[in-house]
Every structure is written in structure tokens, then in C-alpha cells.
PDB file of N, CA and C in Angstrom:
ATOM      1  N   MET A   1       0.850  -1.164   0.000  1.00  0.00           N
ATOM      2  CA  MET A   1       0.000   0.000   0.000  1.00  0.00           C
ATOM      3  C   MET A   1       0.905   1.240   0.000  1.00  0.00           C
ATOM      4  N   LYS A   2       0.667   2.109  -0.948  1.00  0.00           N
ATOM      5  CA  LYS A   2       1.463   3.323  -1.078  1.00  0.00           C
ATOM      6  C   LYS A   2       0.985   4.382  -0.081  1.00  0.00           C
ATOM      7  N   THR A   3       1.896   5.187   0.420  1.00  0.00           N
ATOM      8  CA  THR A   3       1.571   6.259   1.362  1.00  0.00           C
ATOM      9  C   THR A   3       2.020   7.589   0.784  1.00  0.00           C
ATOM     10  N   GLU A   4       1.128   8.571   0.852  1.00  0.00           N
ATOM     11  CA  GLU A   4       1.434   9.923   0.376  1.00  0.00           C
ATOM     12  C   GLU A   4       0.846  10.941   1.348  1.00  0.00           C
ATOM     13  N   THR A   5       1.250  12.185   1.176  1.00  0.00           N
ATOM     14  CA  THR A   5       0.739  13.260   2.015  1.00  0.00           C
ATOM     15  C   THR A   5      -0.566  13.804   1.444  1.00  0.00           C
ATOM     16  N   ILE A   6      -1.274  14.537   2.268  1.00  0.00           N
ATOM     17  CA  ILE A   6      -2.512  15.167   1.815  1.00  0.00           C
ATOM     18  C   ILE A   6      -2.217  16.216   0.737  1.00  0.00           C
ATOM     19  N   THR A   7      -1.055  16.844   0.822  1.00  0.00           N
ATOM     20  CA  THR A   7      -0.641  17.812  -0.208  1.00  0.00           C
ATOM     21  C   THR A   7      -0.502  17.118  -1.557  1.00  0.00           C
ATOM     22  N   TYR A   8       0.096  15.922  -1.558  1.00  0.00           N
ATOM     23  CA  TYR A   8       0.238  15.147  -2.790  1.00  0.00           C
ATOM     24  C   TYR A   8      -1.142  14.863  -3.381  1.00  0.00           C
ATOM     25  N   LEU A   9      -2.083  14.468  -2.533  1.00  0.00           N
ATOM     26  CA  LEU A   9      -3.435  14.167  -3.010  1.00  0.00           C
ATOM     27  C   LEU A   9      -4.078  15.395  -3.641  1.00  0.00           C
ATOM     28  N   LYS A  10      -3.958  16.533  -2.987  1.00  0.00           N
ATOM     29  CA  LYS A  10      -4.533  17.772  -3.517  1.00  0.00           C
ATOM     30  C   LYS A  10      -3.926  18.131  -4.865  1.00  0.00           C
ATOM     31  N   GLU A  11      -2.621  17.994  -4.989  1.00  0.00           N
ATOM     32  CA  GLU A  11      -1.924  18.379  -6.220  1.00  0.00           C
ATOM     33  C   GLU A  11      -2.171  17.408  -7.370  1.00  0.00           C
ATOM     34  N   ASN A  12      -2.504  16.153  -7.058  1.00  0.00           N
ATOM     35  CA  ASN A  12      -2.616  15.133  -8.100  1.00  0.00           C
ATOM     36  C   ASN A  12      -4.005  14.516  -8.224  1.00  0.00           C
ATOM     37  N   ALA A  13      -4.989  15.089  -7.569  1.00  0.00           N
ATOM     38  CA  ALA A  13      -6.330  14.495  -7.549  1.00  0.00           C
ATOM     39  C   ALA A  13      -6.916  14.300  -8.948  1.00  0.00           C
ATOM     40  N   ASN A  14      -6.682  15.224  -9.847  1.00  0.00           N
ATOM     41  CA  ASN A  14      -7.264  15.138 -11.192  1.00  0.00           C
ATOM     42  C   ASN A  14      -6.635  14.061 -12.061  1.00  0.00           C
ATOM     43  N   THR A  15      -5.415  13.670 -11.757  1.00  0.00           N
ATOM     44  CA  THR A  15      -4.719  12.683 -12.596  1.00  0.00           C
ATOM     45  C   THR A  15      -4.431  11.383 -11.862  1.00  0.00           C
ATOM     46  N   LEU A  16      -4.960  11.239 -10.671  1.00  0.00           N
ATOM     47  CA  LEU A  16      -4.678  10.077  -9.837  1.00  0.00           C
ATOM     48  C   LEU A  16      -5.297   8.818 -10.414  1.00  0.00           C
ATOM     49  N   GLU A  17      -4.484   7.792 -10.603  1.00  0.00           N
ATOM     50  CA  GLU A  17      -4.963   6.478 -11.031  1.00  0.00           C
ATOM     51  C   GLU A  17      -4.469   5.474 -10.018  1.00  0.00           C
ATOM     52  N   LEU A  18      -5.398   4.735  -9.433  1.00  0.00           N
ATOM     53  CA  LEU A  18      -5.041   3.829  -8.352  1.00  0.00           C
ATOM     54  C   LEU A  18      -5.142   2.376  -8.772  1.00  0.00           C
ATOM     55  N   GLN A  19      -4.084   1.640  -8.549  1.00  0.00           N
ATOM     56  CA  GLN A  19      -4.092   0.196  -8.739  1.00  0.00           C
ATOM     57  C   GLN A  19      -4.290  -0.493  -7.393  1.00  0.00           C
ATOM     58  N   GLU A  20      -3.977   0.228  -6.314  1.00  0.00           N
ATOM     59  CA  GLU A  20      -4.151  -0.269  -4.955  1.00  0.00           C
ATOM     60  C   GLU A  20      -4.524   0.910  -4.060  1.00  0.00           C
ATOM     61  N   GLU A  21      -4.879   0.626  -2.828  1.00  0.00           N
ATOM     62  CA  GLU A  21      -5.255   1.685  -1.903  1.00  0.00           C
ATOM     63  C   GLU A  21      -4.093   2.644  -1.679  1.00  0.00           C
ATOM     64  N   LEU A  22      -4.430   3.886  -1.413  1.00  0.00           N
ATOM     65  CA  LEU A  22      -3.442   4.921  -1.148  1.00  0.00           C
ATOM     66  C   LEU A  22      -3.714   5.483   0.242  1.00  0.00           C
ATOM     67  N   VAL A  23      -2.744   5.349   1.137  1.00  0.00           N
ATOM     68  CA  VAL A  23      -2.871   5.894   2.485  1.00  0.00           C
ATOM     69  C   VAL A  23      -2.426   7.350   2.431  1.00  0.00           C
ATOM     70  N   ILE A  24      -3.279   8.229   2.950  1.00  0.00           N
ATOM     71  CA  ILE A  24      -2.968   9.656   2.974  1.00  0.00           C
ATOM     72  C   ILE A  24      -2.649  10.044   4.412  1.00  0.00           C
ATOM     73  N   THR A  25      -1.506  10.687   4.577  1.00  0.00           N
ATOM     74  CA  THR A  25      -1.111  11.102   5.923  1.00  0.00           C
ATOM     75  C   THR A  25      -1.420  12.576   6.137  1.00  0.00           C
ATOM     76  N   LYS A  26      -1.673  12.895   7.383  1.00  0.00           N
ATOM     77  CA  LYS A  26      -1.910  14.265   7.797  1.00  0.00           C
ATOM     78  C   LYS A  26      -1.055  14.483   9.043  1.00  0.00           C
ATOM     79  N   LYS A  27      -0.147  15.429   8.956  1.00  0.00           N
ATOM     80  CA  LYS A  27       0.801  15.690  10.041  1.00  0.00           C
ATOM     81  C   LYS A  27       1.596  14.438  10.399  1.00  0.00           C
ATOM     82  N   GLY A  28       1.941  13.675   9.369  1.00  0.00           N
ATOM     83  CA  GLY A  28       2.781  12.495   9.550  1.00  0.00           C
ATOM     84  C   GLY A  28       2.075  11.233  10.006  1.00  0.00           C
ATOM     85  N   LYS A  29       0.759  11.295  10.210  1.00  0.00           N
ATOM     86  CA  LYS A  29       0.010  10.129  10.680  1.00  0.00           C
ATOM     87  C   LYS A  29      -1.041   9.731   9.655  1.00  0.00           C
ATOM     88  N   PRO A  30      -1.293   8.431   9.500  1.00  0.00           N
ATOM     89  CA  PRO A  30      -2.333   7.996   8.571  1.00  0.00           C
ATOM     90  C   PRO A  30      -3.676   8.622   8.928  1.00  0.00           C
ATOM     91  N   ALA A  31      -4.339   9.215   7.926  1.00  0.00           N
ATOM     92  CA  ALA A  31      -5.614   9.878   8.175  1.00  0.00           C
ATOM     93  C   ALA A  31      -6.736   9.382   7.260  1.00  0.00           C
ATOM     94  N   PHE A  32      -6.397   9.018   6.025  1.00  0.00           N
ATOM     95  CA  PHE A  32      -7.409   8.612   5.050  1.00  0.00           C
ATOM     96  C   PHE A  32      -6.876   7.473   4.195  1.00  0.00           C
ATOM     97  N   VAL A  33      -7.807   6.744   3.590  1.00  0.00           N
ATOM     98  CA  VAL A  33      -7.451   5.745   2.582  1.00  0.00           C
ATOM     99  C   VAL A  33      -8.280   6.063   1.343  1.00  0.00           C
ATOM    100  N   VAL A  34      -7.606   6.202   0.218  1.00  0.00           N
ATOM    101  CA  VAL A  34      -8.268   6.462  -1.059  1.00  0.00           C
ATOM    102  C   VAL A  34      -8.164   5.178  -1.873  1.00  0.00           C
ATOM    103  N   GLN A  35      -9.288   4.782  -2.476  1.00  0.00           N
ATOM    104  CA  GLN A  35      -9.248   3.559  -3.265  1.00  0.00           C
ATOM    105  C   GLN A  35     -10.093   3.691  -4.523  1.00  0.00           C
ATOM    106  N   ASN A  36      -9.818   2.850  -5.479  1.00  0.00           N
ATOM    107  CA  ASN A  36     -10.539   2.754  -6.727  1.00  0.00           C
ATOM    108  C   ASN A  36     -11.995   2.384  -6.431  1.00  0.00           C
ATOM    109  N   TYR A  37     -12.943   3.013  -7.136  1.00  0.00           N
ATOM    110  CA  TYR A  37     -14.362   2.785  -6.868  1.00  0.00           C
ATOM    111  C   TYR A  37     -14.768   1.330  -7.079  1.00  0.00           C
ATOM    112  N   ASP A  38     -14.266   0.689  -8.124  1.00  0.00           N
ATOM    113  CA  ASP A  38     -14.606  -0.714  -8.378  1.00  0.00           C
ATOM    114  C   ASP A  38     -14.144  -1.600  -7.226  1.00  0.00           C
ATOM    115  N   HIS A  39     -12.957  -1.323  -6.707  1.00  0.00           N
ATOM    116  CA  HIS A  39     -12.450  -2.083  -5.568  1.00  0.00           C
ATOM    117  C   HIS A  39     -13.327  -1.846  -4.339  1.00  0.00           C
ATOM    118  N   TYR A  40     -13.744  -0.604  -4.145  1.00  0.00           N
ATOM    119  CA  TYR A  40     -14.635  -0.266  -3.033  1.00  0.00           C
ATOM    120  C   TYR A  40     -15.933  -1.062  -3.142  1.00  0.00           C
ATOM    121  N   GLN A  41     -16.532  -1.102  -4.320  1.00  0.00           N
ATOM    122  CA  GLN A  41     -17.782  -1.838  -4.523  1.00  0.00           C
ATOM    123  C   GLN A  41     -17.593  -3.319  -4.208  1.00  0.00           C
ATOM    124  N   ALA A  42     -16.510  -3.905  -4.686  1.00  0.00           N
ATOM    125  CA  ALA A  42     -16.241  -5.319  -4.419  1.00  0.00           C
ATOM    126  C   ALA A  42     -16.075  -5.558  -2.918  1.00  0.00           C
ATOM    127  N   GLN A  43     -15.409  -4.635  -2.256  1.00  0.00           N
ATOM    128  CA  GLN A  43     -15.207  -4.739  -0.813  1.00  0.00           C
ATOM    129  C   GLN A  43     -16.552  -4.670  -0.079  1.00  0.00           C
ATOM    130  N   GLN A  44     -17.439  -3.777  -0.490  1.00  0.00           N
ATOM    131  CA  GLN A  44     -18.753  -3.651   0.137  1.00  0.00           C
ATOM    132  C   GLN A  44     -19.588  -4.919  -0.069  1.00  0.00           C
ATOM    133  N   GLU A  45     -19.497  -5.512  -1.256  1.00  0.00           N
ATOM    134  CA  GLU A  45     -20.225  -6.748  -1.528  1.00  0.00           C
ATOM    135  C   GLU A  45     -19.695  -7.892  -0.670  1.00  0.00           C
ATOM    136  N   ALA A  46     -18.387  -7.957  -0.493  1.00  0.00           N
ATOM    137  CA  ALA A  46     -17.791  -8.995   0.354  1.00  0.00           C
ATOM    138  C   ALA A  46     -18.237  -8.816   1.805  1.00  0.00           C
ATOM    139  N   LEU A  47     -18.279  -7.577   2.276  1.00  0.00           N
ATOM    140  CA  LEU A  47     -18.741  -7.322   3.640  1.00  0.00           C
ATOM    141  C   LEU A  47     -20.201  -7.715   3.810  1.00  0.00           C
ATOM    142  N   ALA A  48     -21.021  -7.431   2.817  1.00  0.00           N
ATOM    143  CA  ALA A  48     -22.435  -7.806   2.879  1.00  0.00           C
ATOM    144  C   ALA A  48     -22.582  -9.321   2.974  1.00  0.00           C
ATOM    145  N   LEU A  49     -21.788 -10.049   2.215  1.00  0.00           N
ATOM    146  CA  LEU A  49     -21.831 -11.510   2.259  1.00  0.00           C
ATOM    147  C   LEU A  49     -21.400 -12.020   3.634  1.00  0.00           C
ATOM    148  N   LEU A  50     -20.356 -11.434   4.199  1.00  0.00           N
ATOM    149  CA  LEU A  50     -19.912 -11.834   5.539  1.00  0.00           C
ATOM    150  C   LEU A  50     -20.985 -11.558   6.593  1.00  0.00           C
ATOM    151  N   LYS A  51     -21.683 -10.429   6.469  1.00  0.00           N
ATOM    152  CA  LYS A  51     -22.777 -10.130   7.398  1.00  0.00           C
ATOM    153  C   LYS A  51     -23.885 -11.172   7.285  1.00  0.00           C
ATOM    154  N   LEU A  52     -24.201 -11.551   6.059  1.00  0.00           N
ATOM    155  CA  LEU A  52     -25.235 -12.560   5.842  1.00  0.00           C
ATOM    156  C   LEU A  52     -24.827 -13.893   6.455  1.00  0.00           C
ATOM    157  N   LEU A  53     -23.584 -14.282   6.269  1.00  0.00           N
ATOM    158  CA  LEU A  53     -23.101 -15.524   6.855  1.00  0.00           C
ATOM    159  C   LEU A  53     -23.144 -15.464   8.383  1.00  0.00           C
ATOM    160  N   ASN A  54     -22.770 -14.344   8.947  1.00  0.00           N
ATOM    161  CA  ASN A  54     -22.796 -14.171  10.396  1.00  0.00           C
ATOM    162  C   ASN A  54     -24.219 -14.293  10.928  1.00  0.00           C
ATOM    163  N   LEU A  55     -25.168 -13.623  10.257  1.00  0.00           N
ATOM    164  CA  LEU A  55     -26.571 -13.736  10.665  1.00  0.00           C
ATOM    165  C   LEU A  55     -27.066 -15.178  10.588  1.00  0.00           C
ATOM    166  N   SER A  56     -26.693 -15.852   9.542  1.00  0.00           N
ATOM    167  CA  SER A  56     -27.121 -17.239   9.356  1.00  0.00           C
ATOM    168  C   SER A  56     -26.570 -18.140  10.449  1.00  0.00           C
ATOM    169  N   GLU A  57     -25.286 -18.000  10.740  1.00  0.00           N
ATOM    170  CA  GLU A  57     -24.666 -18.823  11.778  1.00  0.00           C
ATOM    171  C   GLU A  57     -25.301 -18.551  13.146  1.00  0.00           C
ATOM    172  N   ARG A  58     -25.556 -17.285  13.446  1.00  0.00           N
ATOM    173  CA  ARG A  58     -26.164 -16.930  14.728  1.00  0.00           C
ATOM    174  C   ARG A  58     -27.569 -17.521  14.838  1.00  0.00           C
ATOM    175  N   ASP A  59     -28.345 -17.415  13.775  1.00  0.00           N
ATOM    176  CA  ASP A  59     -29.693 -17.964  13.806  1.00  0.00           C
ATOM    177  C   ASP A  59     -29.681 -19.488  13.927  1.00  0.00           C
ATOM    178  N   ILE A  60     -28.766 -20.144  13.260  1.00  0.00           N
ATOM    179  CA  ILE A  60     -28.668 -21.605  13.351  1.00  0.00           C
ATOM    180  C   ILE A  60     -28.326 -22.018  14.775  1.00  0.00           C
ATOM    181  N   ARG A  61     -27.374 -21.295  15.410  1.00  0.00           N
ATOM    182  CA  ARG A  61     -27.003 -21.609  16.796  1.00  0.00           C
ATOM    183  C   ARG A  61     -28.189 -21.429  17.745  1.00  0.00           C
ATOM    184  N   GLN A  62     -29.061 -20.495  17.426  1.00  0.00           N
ATOM    185  CA  GLN A  62     -30.231 -20.237  18.267  1.00  0.00           C
ATOM    186  C   GLN A  62     -31.414 -21.141  17.901  1.00  0.00           C
ATOM    187  N   GLY A  63     -31.214 -22.007  16.931  1.00  0.00           N
ATOM    188  CA  GLY A  63     -32.270 -22.938  16.543  1.00  0.00           C
ATOM    189  C   GLY A  63     -33.305 -22.352  15.608  1.00  0.00           C
ATOM    190  N   HIS A  64     -33.023 -21.189  15.043  1.00  0.00           N
ATOM    191  CA  HIS A  64     -33.968 -20.549  14.123  1.00  0.00           C
ATOM    192  C   HIS A  64     -33.624 -20.889  12.677  1.00  0.00           C
ATOM    193  N   THR A  65     -34.633 -20.978  11.880  1.00  0.00           N
ATOM    194  CA  THR A  65     -34.426 -21.124  10.438  1.00  0.00           C
ATOM    195  C   THR A  65     -35.258 -20.056   9.743  1.00  0.00           C
ATOM    196  N   MET A  66     -34.851 -19.694   8.537  1.00  0.00           N
ATOM    197  CA  MET A  66     -35.603 -18.702   7.769  1.00  0.00           C
ATOM    198  C   MET A  66     -35.369 -18.932   6.288  1.00  0.00           C
ATOM    199  N   SER A  67     -36.251 -18.361   5.506  1.00  0.00           N
ATOM    200  CA  SER A  67     -36.103 -18.467   4.055  1.00  0.00           C
ATOM    201  C   SER A  67     -35.014 -17.508   3.593  1.00  0.00           C
ATOM    202  N   ILE A  68     -34.561 -17.674   2.378  1.00  0.00           N
ATOM    203  CA  ILE A  68     -33.549 -16.773   1.822  1.00  0.00           C
ATOM    204  C   ILE A  68     -34.096 -15.352   1.740  1.00  0.00           C
ATOM    205  N   ASP A  69     -35.393 -15.210   1.444  1.00  0.00           N
ATOM    206  CA  ASP A  69     -36.001 -13.873   1.377  1.00  0.00           C
ATOM    207  C   ASP A  69     -35.951 -13.174   2.735  1.00  0.00           C
ATOM    208  N   GLU A  70     -36.234 -13.919   3.794  1.00  0.00           N
ATOM    209  CA  GLU A  70     -36.166 -13.340   5.140  1.00  0.00           C
ATOM    210  C   GLU A  70     -34.735 -12.928   5.491  1.00  0.00           C
ATOM    211  N   ALA A  71     -33.778 -13.751   5.103  1.00  0.00           N
ATOM    212  CA  ALA A  71     -32.366 -13.442   5.378  1.00  0.00           C
ATOM    213  C   ALA A  71     -31.937 -12.184   4.628  1.00  0.00           C
ATOM    214  N   LEU A  72     -32.363 -12.053   3.379  1.00  0.00           N
ATOM    215  CA  LEU A  72     -32.015 -10.866   2.597  1.00  0.00           C
ATOM    216  C   LEU A  72     -32.655  -9.607   3.167  1.00  0.00           C
ATOM    217  N   GLU A  73     -33.861  -9.728   3.670  1.00  0.00           N
ATOM    218  CA  GLU A  73     -34.507  -8.583   4.320  1.00  0.00           C
ATOM    219  C   GLU A  73     -33.714  -8.137   5.553  1.00  0.00           C
ATOM    220  N   LYS A  74     -33.238  -9.093   6.330  1.00  0.00           N
ATOM    221  CA  LYS A  74     -32.418  -8.755   7.498  1.00  0.00           C
ATOM    222  C   LYS A  74     -31.134  -8.071   7.068  1.00  0.00           C
ATOM    223  N   LEU A  75     -30.529  -8.555   6.003  1.00  0.00           N
ATOM    224  CA  LEU A  75     -29.294  -7.972   5.509  1.00  0.00           C
ATOM    225  C   LEU A  75     -29.522  -6.534   5.048  1.00  0.00           C
ATOM    226  N   ASP A  76     -30.612  -6.298   4.335  1.00  0.00           N
ATOM    227  CA  ASP A  76     -30.929  -4.948   3.890  1.00  0.00           C
ATOM    228  C   ASP A  76     -31.114  -4.006   5.076  1.00  0.00           C
ATOM    229  N   ALA A  77     -31.677  -4.504   6.160  1.00  0.00           N
ATOM    230  CA  ALA A  77     -31.899  -3.688   7.345  1.00  0.00           C
ATOM    231  C   ALA A  77     -30.574  -3.283   7.993  1.00  0.00           C
ATOM    232  N   LEU A  78     -29.522  -4.057   7.795  1.00  0.00           N
ATOM    233  CA  LEU A  78     -28.213  -3.746   8.377  1.00  0.00           C
ATOM    234  C   LEU A  78     -27.489  -2.645   7.605  1.00  0.00           C
ATOM    235  N   ARG A  79     -27.842  -2.434   6.382  1.00  0.00           N
ATOM    236  CA  ARG A  79     -27.124  -1.456   5.551  1.00  0.00           C
ATOM    237  C   ARG A  79     -27.480  -0.062   5.895  1.00  0.00           C
TER     238      ARG A  79
END
């Protein structure tokens, strides 16, 4: 993961092309992460799937079952 200053981001925002996340520092400390939108979308989809799996495992441990439609409704409520 590449690290740059906030000044670098300001000066290069219009021409910035990211192949990986870019850590932006402020006063020498990590403050922001800039990433490609497609990568962000994929990351959000992966998180949604993990949330669904977590809900499913918790419900199974509690002895509950539900249809896929009910599970998706619960997932939508978490967003």
C-alpha cells in the first residue's frame, strides 16, 4: 500500500490512477485511505456476504431457520 501526504493528493487528484489503496497522511500520521471505486464496490459486496453468513450462523445456533427472502430482508436492514 502506497503512502502519500494530503498535499500530494490535492496536487494530483485530477490525474490520480489507483491500482491499490493509497494511504494519505496528515501531520505524519495515517488519516485517510483512497481507493478505486470498483475495488470499493467489491469490498462492500464482500462485507455484505460476511454479514449474511454471520446472521445465518447466529440464527442456526439459536435454533432458528428462515427463508432466503427473510435473510435478505435482514441484511438490507443492516445497511
